Amino acid sequence: NNNNLHFGAGTRLTVKPSK
């Protein structure tokens, strides 16, 4: 999901991107 990449960059603490 593209949103995860962009959103995760700002709120890495809240959202943990499965990178």
Protein backbone atom coordinates (compact mmCIF):
# COMPACT_ATOMS: atom_id res chain seq x y z
CA ASN A 1 0.00 0.00 0.00
CA ASN A 2 1.47 3.35 -1.05
CA ASN A 3 -0.28 5.07 1.86
CA ASN A 4 1.64 2.90 4.31
CA LEU A 5 4.97 4.07 2.94
CA HIS A 6 4.10 7.75 3.01
CA PHE A 7 2.08 7.62 6.22
CA GLY A 8 4.59 5.40 7.98
CA ALA A 9 7.37 7.90 7.24
CA GLY A 10 5.59 10.59 9.28
CA THR A 11 4.08 8.47 12.03
CA ARG A 12 6.52 5.62 12.32
CA LEU A 13 5.73 5.36 16.02
CA THR A 14 2.03 4.88 15.43
CA VAL A 15 2.18 2.92 12.19
CA LYS A 16 4.77 0.20 11.79
CA PRO A 17 5.58 -0.20 8.08
CA SER A 18 6.28 -3.79 7.07
CA LYS A 19 9.40 -2.81 5.16
